[in-house]
């Protein structure tokens, strides 16, 4: 009976849990990549704004 319990119930439950966990981890990885890309874009926009302000201030002093 115990062997049948594991073969018919516990092992399929574990496989389903593993499948759900893999999906969750894949979603987390995708979200991390998106967050990184957004942060990189935000940093680039900020650096361009600062660079433009510095160049503009330099031309005003001349």
Protein backbone atom coordinates (compact mmCIF):
# COMPACT_ATOMS: atom_id res chain seq x y z
CA UNK A 1 0.00 0.00 0.00
CA UNK A 2 2.78 2.46 0.86
CA UNK A 3 4.52 1.92 -2.45
CA UNK A 4 1.26 2.51 -4.29
CA UNK A 5 0.72 5.72 -2.29
CA UNK A 6 4.09 7.05 -3.39
CA UNK A 7 3.70 5.96 -7.01
CA UNK A 8 0.15 7.22 -7.44
CA UNK A 9 -0.03 10.24 -5.13
CA UNK A 10 3.19 11.60 -3.66
CA UNK A 11 5.44 11.43 -6.72
CA UNK A 12 2.90 13.16 -9.03
CA UNK A 13 2.33 15.83 -6.34
CA UNK A 14 6.07 16.47 -6.12
CA UNK A 15 6.39 16.66 -9.90
CA UNK A 16 3.55 19.19 -10.05
CA UNK A 17 5.15 21.24 -7.26
CA UNK A 18 8.47 21.22 -9.11
CA UNK A 19 6.72 22.39 -12.30
CA UNK A 20 5.02 25.26 -10.45
CA UNK A 21 8.30 26.28 -8.78
CA UNK A 22 10.12 26.29 -12.14
CA UNK A 23 7.45 28.57 -13.62
CA UNK A 24 7.68 30.90 -10.61
CA UNK A 25 11.48 31.07 -10.81
CA UNK A 26 11.32 31.74 -14.55
CA UNK A 27 8.89 34.60 -13.94
CA UNK A 28 11.18 35.99 -11.23
CA UNK A 29 14.17 35.84 -13.58
CA UNK A 30 12.25 37.64 -16.33
CA UNK A 31 11.15 40.33 -13.87
CA UNK A 32 14.75 40.81 -12.72
CA UNK A 33 15.94 41.30 -16.30
CA UNK A 34 13.18 43.85 -16.95
CA UNK A 35 14.03 45.73 -13.74
CA UNK A 36 17.69 45.83 -14.79
CA UNK A 37 16.84 47.18 -18.23
CA UNK A 38 14.56 49.85 -16.75
CA UNK A 39 17.24 50.91 -14.27
CA UNK A 40 19.83 51.07 -17.04
CA UNK A 41 17.54 53.23 -19.18
CA UNK A 42 16.75 55.50 -16.22
CA UNK A 43 20.47 55.91 -15.51
CA UNK A 44 21.21 56.72 -19.16
CA UNK A 45 18.46 59.34 -19.29
CA UNK A 46 19.74 60.91 -16.07
CA UNK A 47 23.35 60.97 -17.32
CA UNK A 48 22.29 62.54 -20.61
CA UNK A 49 20.32 65.21 -18.74
CA UNK A 50 23.28 66.01 -16.49
CA UNK A 51 25.68 66.05 -19.44
CA UNK A 52 23.35 68.37 -21.36
CA UNK A 53 23.02 70.71 -18.38
CA UNK A 54 26.79 70.87 -17.94
CA UNK A 55 27.33 71.60 -21.62
CA UNK A 56 24.60 74.23 -21.57
CA UNK A 57 26.12 75.89 -18.50
CA UNK A 58 29.52 75.88 -20.21
CA UNK A 59 28.21 77.66 -23.30
CA UNK A 60 26.42 80.29 -21.20
CA UNK A 61 29.65 81.28 -19.42
CA UNK A 62 31.49 82.01 -22.66
